[in-house]
Amino acid sequence: MSSPEGAHQRSPAAAHYERKRPGALTKLFNDMVAALTRAGLSIRGSRVLEVRGRKSGEPRRTPVNLLELEGERYLVAPRGDTQWVRNLRAAGEGTLLVGRRRDPFSAVELSEQERAPILREYLRRWAWEVGAFFDGVSADSSERELQEAASKHPVFRLRSGAAREGSVG
């Protein structure tokens, strides 16, 4: 950022996203996972997230890993403040897709203090895929390290059903 004022407006998650933009290999992998998921094959919890674009109003789709933990469902943003994160914040709802199955949901973003146990389990399951986006933090990291990482990785708790009429799903 060129001005100190602008620097204060950037969240750690936004700065993290700028540093961790996906490369060609990540884009190729995402495309392959999305194609398999659209065909009805979920790879270790993969889904296609459909959420209304905050500017266009058009449905936007991206592959995500759905974390199910202790009866709750979560979406974690390993790359930080991505477009899907900003769209989901604005819409408050979306749809998870696997093949022809559509699962509408409403979403609430967790506070940074609530994220550490979710991040630990997310890394336990998907570090092989997303570990590079966590700057050395792993499922075996200390509680303090996970808590420090929490500001860079938005987490949403999902509830079945859309939040309001006219949802994306």
C-alpha atoms as a PDB file:
ATOM      1  CA  MET A   1       0.000   0.000   0.000  1.00  0.00           C
ATOM      2  CA  SER A   2       1.282   3.409  -0.806  1.00  0.00           C
ATOM      3  CA  SER A   3      -0.262   5.306   2.079  1.00  0.00           C
ATOM      4  CA  PRO A   4      -0.312   4.586   5.805  1.00  0.00           C
ATOM      5  CA  GLU A   5      -4.091   5.114   5.748  1.00  0.00           C
ATOM      6  CA  GLY A   6      -4.550   2.355   3.169  1.00  0.00           C
ATOM      7  CA  ALA A   7      -2.296   0.032   5.161  1.00  0.00           C
ATOM      8  CA  HIS A   8      -4.649   0.249   8.143  1.00  0.00           C
ATOM      9  CA  GLN A   9      -7.585  -0.851   6.000  1.00  0.00           C
ATOM     10  CA  ARG A  10      -5.924  -4.094   4.835  1.00  0.00           C
ATOM     11  CA  SER A  11      -6.743  -7.097   6.966  1.00  0.00           C
ATOM     12  CA  PRO A  12      -4.164  -9.841   7.585  1.00  0.00           C
ATOM     13  CA  ALA A  13      -6.369 -12.128   5.461  1.00  0.00           C
ATOM     14  CA  ALA A  14      -6.309  -9.659   2.551  1.00  0.00           C
ATOM     15  CA  ALA A  15      -2.528  -9.281   2.764  1.00  0.00           C
ATOM     16  CA  HIS A  16      -2.184 -13.068   2.945  1.00  0.00           C
ATOM     17  CA  TYR A  17      -4.291 -13.481  -0.185  1.00  0.00           C
ATOM     18  CA  GLU A  18      -2.102 -11.022  -2.074  1.00  0.00           C
ATOM     19  CA  ARG A  19       0.972 -13.100  -1.190  1.00  0.00           C
ATOM     20  CA  LYS A  20      -0.686 -16.473  -1.828  1.00  0.00           C
ATOM     21  CA  ARG A  21      -2.395 -15.979  -5.168  1.00  0.00           C
ATOM     22  CA  PRO A  22      -2.868 -19.361  -6.840  1.00  0.00           C
ATOM     23  CA  GLY A  23      -0.334 -20.418  -9.429  1.00  0.00           C
ATOM     24  CA  ALA A  24      -0.931 -22.410 -12.612  1.00  0.00           C
ATOM     25  CA  LEU A  25      -0.585 -25.773 -10.832  1.00  0.00           C
ATOM     26  CA  THR A  26      -3.133 -24.790  -8.166  1.00  0.00           C
ATOM     27  CA  LYS A  27      -5.545 -23.549 -10.833  1.00  0.00           C
ATOM     28  CA  LEU A  28      -5.174 -26.819 -12.761  1.00  0.00           C
ATOM     29  CA  PHE A  29      -5.738 -28.872  -9.593  1.00  0.00           C
ATOM     30  CA  ASN A  30      -8.813 -26.768  -8.684  1.00  0.00           C
ATOM     31  CA  ASP A  31     -10.221 -27.243 -12.185  1.00  0.00           C
ATOM     32  CA  MET A  32      -9.754 -31.025 -11.950  1.00  0.00           C
ATOM     33  CA  VAL A  33     -11.359 -31.243  -8.488  1.00  0.00           C
ATOM     34  CA  ALA A  34     -14.251 -29.019  -9.604  1.00  0.00           C
ATOM     35  CA  ALA A  35     -14.859 -31.184 -12.694  1.00  0.00           C
ATOM     36  CA  LEU A  36     -14.891 -34.400 -10.647  1.00  0.00           C
ATOM     37  CA  THR A  37     -17.154 -32.824  -8.018  1.00  0.00           C
ATOM     38  CA  ARG A  38     -19.559 -31.553 -10.704  1.00  0.00           C
ATOM     39  CA  ALA A  39     -19.628 -35.124 -12.020  1.00  0.00           C
ATOM     40  CA  GLY A  40     -20.706 -36.315  -8.565  1.00  0.00           C
ATOM     41  CA  LEU A  41     -17.360 -37.526  -7.172  1.00  0.00           C
ATOM     42  CA  SER A  42     -16.455 -35.793  -3.926  1.00  0.00           C
ATOM     43  CA  ILE A  43     -12.741 -36.091  -3.185  1.00  0.00           C
ATOM     44  CA  ARG A  44     -12.281 -36.146   0.607  1.00  0.00           C
ATOM     45  CA  GLY A  45     -15.145 -33.714   1.198  1.00  0.00           C
ATOM     46  CA  SER A  46     -14.743 -31.570  -1.898  1.00  0.00           C
ATOM     47  CA  ARG A  47     -17.716 -29.517  -2.998  1.00  0.00           C
ATOM     48  CA  VAL A  48     -18.322 -26.770  -5.507  1.00  0.00           C
ATOM     49  CA  LEU A  49     -19.349 -23.616  -3.686  1.00  0.00           C
ATOM     50  CA  GLU A  50     -21.901 -21.484  -5.512  1.00  0.00           C
ATOM     51  CA  VAL A  51     -22.397 -17.989  -4.124  1.00  0.00           C
ATOM     52  CA  ARG A  52     -23.863 -14.831  -5.591  1.00  0.00           C
ATOM     53  CA  GLY A  53     -21.233 -12.346  -6.780  1.00  0.00           C
ATOM     54  CA  ARG A  54     -21.341  -9.224  -4.624  1.00  0.00           C
ATOM     55  CA  LYS A  55     -20.950  -6.896  -7.618  1.00  0.00           C
ATOM     56  CA  SER A  56     -22.433  -8.821 -10.541  1.00  0.00           C
ATOM     57  CA  GLY A  57     -25.196 -10.658  -8.699  1.00  0.00           C
ATOM     58  CA  GLU A  58     -24.367 -13.666 -10.881  1.00  0.00           C
ATOM     59  CA  PRO A  59     -23.669 -17.105  -9.363  1.00  0.00           C
ATOM     60  CA  ARG A  60     -19.926 -17.734  -8.918  1.00  0.00           C
ATOM     61  CA  ARG A  61     -18.500 -21.217  -8.425  1.00  0.00           C
ATOM     62  CA  THR A  62     -15.264 -22.480  -6.897  1.00  0.00           C
ATOM     63  CA  PRO A  63     -14.087 -25.799  -5.418  1.00  0.00           C
ATOM     64  CA  VAL A  64     -13.863 -25.923  -1.612  1.00  0.00           C
ATOM     65  CA  ASN A  65     -13.217 -28.519   1.086  1.00  0.00           C
ATOM     66  CA  LEU A  66     -16.201 -28.952   3.387  1.00  0.00           C
ATOM     67  CA  LEU A  67     -15.072 -29.712   6.930  1.00  0.00           C
ATOM     68  CA  GLU A  68     -17.524 -31.650   9.074  1.00  0.00           C
ATOM     69  CA  LEU A  69     -16.545 -31.559  12.742  1.00  0.00           C
ATOM     70  CA  GLU A  70     -18.566 -32.470  15.828  1.00  0.00           C
ATOM     71  CA  GLY A  71     -21.882 -32.179  14.005  1.00  0.00           C
ATOM     72  CA  GLU A  72     -21.052 -28.783  12.468  1.00  0.00           C
ATOM     73  CA  ARG A  73     -20.005 -27.883   8.907  1.00  0.00           C
ATOM     74  CA  TYR A  74     -17.327 -25.329   8.062  1.00  0.00           C
ATOM     75  CA  LEU A  75     -15.658 -23.688   5.101  1.00  0.00           C
ATOM     76  CA  VAL A  76     -12.064 -22.524   5.587  1.00  0.00           C
ATOM     77  CA  ALA A  77     -10.278 -20.096   3.273  1.00  0.00           C
ATOM     78  CA  PRO A  78      -6.672 -21.330   3.083  1.00  0.00           C
ATOM     79  CA  ARG A  79      -5.614 -18.444   0.804  1.00  0.00           C
ATOM     80  CA  GLY A  80      -7.223 -15.706   2.917  1.00  0.00           C
ATOM     81  CA  ASP A  81      -9.613 -13.037   1.659  1.00  0.00           C
ATOM     82  CA  THR A  82     -10.425 -14.628  -1.686  1.00  0.00           C
ATOM     83  CA  GLN A  83     -13.266 -13.616  -3.961  1.00  0.00           C
ATOM     84  CA  TRP A  84     -15.453 -16.431  -2.627  1.00  0.00           C
ATOM     85  CA  VAL A  85     -14.864 -15.215   0.937  1.00  0.00           C
ATOM     86  CA  ARG A  86     -15.880 -11.651   0.073  1.00  0.00           C
ATOM     87  CA  ASN A  87     -18.908 -12.891  -1.872  1.00  0.00           C
ATOM     88  CA  LEU A  88     -20.015 -15.173   0.969  1.00  0.00           C
ATOM     89  CA  ARG A  89     -19.645 -12.373   3.514  1.00  0.00           C
ATOM     90  CA  ALA A  90     -21.840 -10.141   1.364  1.00  0.00           C
ATOM     91  CA  ALA A  91     -24.457 -12.790   0.513  1.00  0.00           C
ATOM     92  CA  GLY A  92     -24.551 -14.609   3.851  1.00  0.00           C
ATOM     93  CA  GLU A  93     -25.616 -17.756   2.008  1.00  0.00           C
ATOM     94  CA  GLY A  94     -24.733 -20.070  -0.816  1.00  0.00           C
ATOM     95  CA  THR A  95     -25.105 -23.581  -2.150  1.00  0.00           C
ATOM     96  CA  LEU A  96     -22.758 -26.562  -2.009  1.00  0.00           C
ATOM     97  CA  LEU A  97     -22.846 -28.762  -5.093  1.00  0.00           C
ATOM     98  CA  VAL A  98     -21.856 -32.378  -5.702  1.00  0.00           C
ATOM     99  CA  GLY A  99     -23.064 -33.653  -9.040  1.00  0.00           C
ATOM    100  CA  ARG A 100     -26.753 -32.729  -9.259  1.00  0.00           C
ATOM    101  CA  ARG A 101     -27.155 -32.504  -5.498  1.00  0.00           C
ATOM    102  CA  ARG A 102     -27.655 -28.931  -4.253  1.00  0.00           C
ATOM    103  CA  ASP A 103     -27.310 -28.113  -0.560  1.00  0.00           C
ATOM    104  CA  PRO A 104     -28.325 -24.508   0.230  1.00  0.00           C
ATOM    105  CA  PHE A 105     -26.929 -23.002   3.418  1.00  0.00           C
ATOM    106  CA  SER A 106     -26.605 -19.819   5.408  1.00  0.00           C
ATOM    107  CA  ALA A 107     -23.165 -18.868   6.728  1.00  0.00           C
ATOM    108  CA  VAL A 108     -21.756 -17.065   9.753  1.00  0.00           C
ATOM    109  CA  GLU A 109     -18.097 -16.065   9.865  1.00  0.00           C
ATOM    110  CA  LEU A 110     -16.327 -17.187  13.035  1.00  0.00           C
ATOM    111  CA  SER A 111     -14.330 -14.752  15.128  1.00  0.00           C
ATOM    112  CA  GLU A 112     -10.554 -15.171  15.105  1.00  0.00           C
ATOM    113  CA  GLN A 113     -10.730 -16.556  18.650  1.00  0.00           C
ATOM    114  CA  GLU A 114     -13.022 -19.399  17.487  1.00  0.00           C
ATOM    115  CA  ARG A 115     -10.928 -20.496  14.507  1.00  0.00           C
ATOM    116  CA  ALA A 116      -7.892 -22.360  15.954  1.00  0.00           C
ATOM    117  CA  PRO A 117      -9.531 -25.783  16.551  1.00  0.00           C
ATOM    118  CA  ILE A 118     -11.197 -25.619  13.129  1.00  0.00           C
ATOM    119  CA  LEU A 119      -7.889 -24.745  11.449  1.00  0.00           C
ATOM    120  CA  ARG A 120      -6.141 -27.618  13.281  1.00  0.00           C
ATOM    121  CA  GLU A 121      -8.656 -30.174  11.999  1.00  0.00           C
ATOM    122  CA  TYR A 122      -8.695 -28.637   8.512  1.00  0.00           C
ATOM    123  CA  LEU A 123      -4.908 -28.974   8.336  1.00  0.00           C
ATOM    124  CA  ARG A 124      -5.073 -32.512   9.722  1.00  0.00           C
ATOM    125  CA  ARG A 125      -7.295 -33.495   6.797  1.00  0.00           C
ATOM    126  CA  TRP A 126      -6.006 -31.360   3.913  1.00  0.00           C
ATOM    127  CA  ALA A 127      -2.439 -30.221   4.652  1.00  0.00           C
ATOM    128  CA  TRP A 128      -1.270 -32.234   1.625  1.00  0.00           C
ATOM    129  CA  GLU A 129      -3.395 -29.910  -0.530  1.00  0.00           C
ATOM    130  CA  VAL A 130      -3.381 -26.551   1.286  1.00  0.00           C
ATOM    131  CA  GLY A 131      -0.390 -26.645   3.638  1.00  0.00           C
ATOM    132  CA  ALA A 132       1.635 -24.277   1.439  1.00  0.00           C
ATOM    133  CA  PHE A 133      -0.892 -21.521   2.164  1.00  0.00           C
ATOM    134  CA  PHE A 134      -0.367 -21.722   5.957  1.00  0.00           C
ATOM    135  CA  ASP A 135       3.249 -20.447   6.175  1.00  0.00           C
ATOM    136  CA  GLY A 136       4.592 -23.424   8.139  1.00  0.00           C
ATOM    137  CA  VAL A 137       1.615 -23.771  10.495  1.00  0.00           C
ATOM    138  CA  SER A 138       0.404 -27.373  10.675  1.00  0.00           C
ATOM    139  CA  ALA A 139      -2.043 -29.555  12.584  1.00  0.00           C
ATOM    140  CA  ASP A 140       0.788 -30.169  15.073  1.00  0.00           C
ATOM    141  CA  SER A 141       1.464 -26.464  15.684  1.00  0.00           C
ATOM    142  CA  SER A 142       0.942 -24.941  19.111  1.00  0.00           C
ATOM    143  CA  GLU A 143      -2.343 -23.316  20.055  1.00  0.00           C
ATOM    144  CA  ARG A 144      -0.563 -19.933  19.965  1.00  0.00           C
ATOM    145  CA  GLU A 145       0.698 -20.526  16.392  1.00  0.00           C
ATOM    146  CA  LEU A 146      -2.766 -21.560  15.214  1.00  0.00           C
ATOM    147  CA  GLN A 147      -4.296 -18.529  16.931  1.00  0.00           C
ATOM    148  CA  GLU A 148      -1.789 -16.257  15.161  1.00  0.00           C
ATOM    149  CA  ALA A 149      -2.668 -17.884  11.822  1.00  0.00           C
ATOM    150  CA  ALA A 150      -6.394 -17.387  12.447  1.00  0.00           C
ATOM    151  CA  SER A 151      -6.352 -13.741  11.315  1.00  0.00           C
ATOM    152  CA  LYS A 152      -5.226 -14.867   7.845  1.00  0.00           C
ATOM    153  CA  HIS A 153      -7.780 -17.637   7.296  1.00  0.00           C
ATOM    154  CA  PRO A 154     -11.499 -16.804   7.409  1.00  0.00           C
ATOM    155  CA  VAL A 155     -13.752 -19.635   8.621  1.00  0.00           C
ATOM    156  CA  PHE A 156     -17.520 -19.899   8.116  1.00  0.00           C
ATOM    157  CA  ARG A 157     -19.978 -22.096  10.030  1.00  0.00           C
ATOM    158  CA  LEU A 158     -22.737 -23.357   7.759  1.00  0.00           C
ATOM    159  CA  ARG A 159     -26.392 -23.970   8.572  1.00  0.00           C
ATOM    160  CA  SER A 160     -28.600 -26.004   6.246  1.00  0.00           C
ATOM    161  CA  GLY A 161     -31.123 -24.012   4.250  1.00  0.00           C
ATOM    162  CA  ALA A 162     -30.822 -20.581   2.684  1.00  0.00           C
ATOM    163  CA  ALA A 163     -30.996 -17.504   4.893  1.00  0.00           C
ATOM    164  CA  ARG A 164     -33.716 -15.789   2.867  1.00  0.00           C
ATOM    165  CA  GLU A 165     -35.935 -16.075  -0.196  1.00  0.00           C
ATOM    166  CA  GLY A 166     -34.320 -15.743  -3.607  1.00  0.00           C
ATOM    167  CA  SER A 167     -31.077 -17.482  -2.636  1.00  0.00           C
ATOM    168  CA  VAL A 168     -28.414 -18.487  -5.107  1.00  0.00           C
ATOM    169  CA  GLY A 169     -29.383 -22.161  -4.700  1.00  0.00           C
END
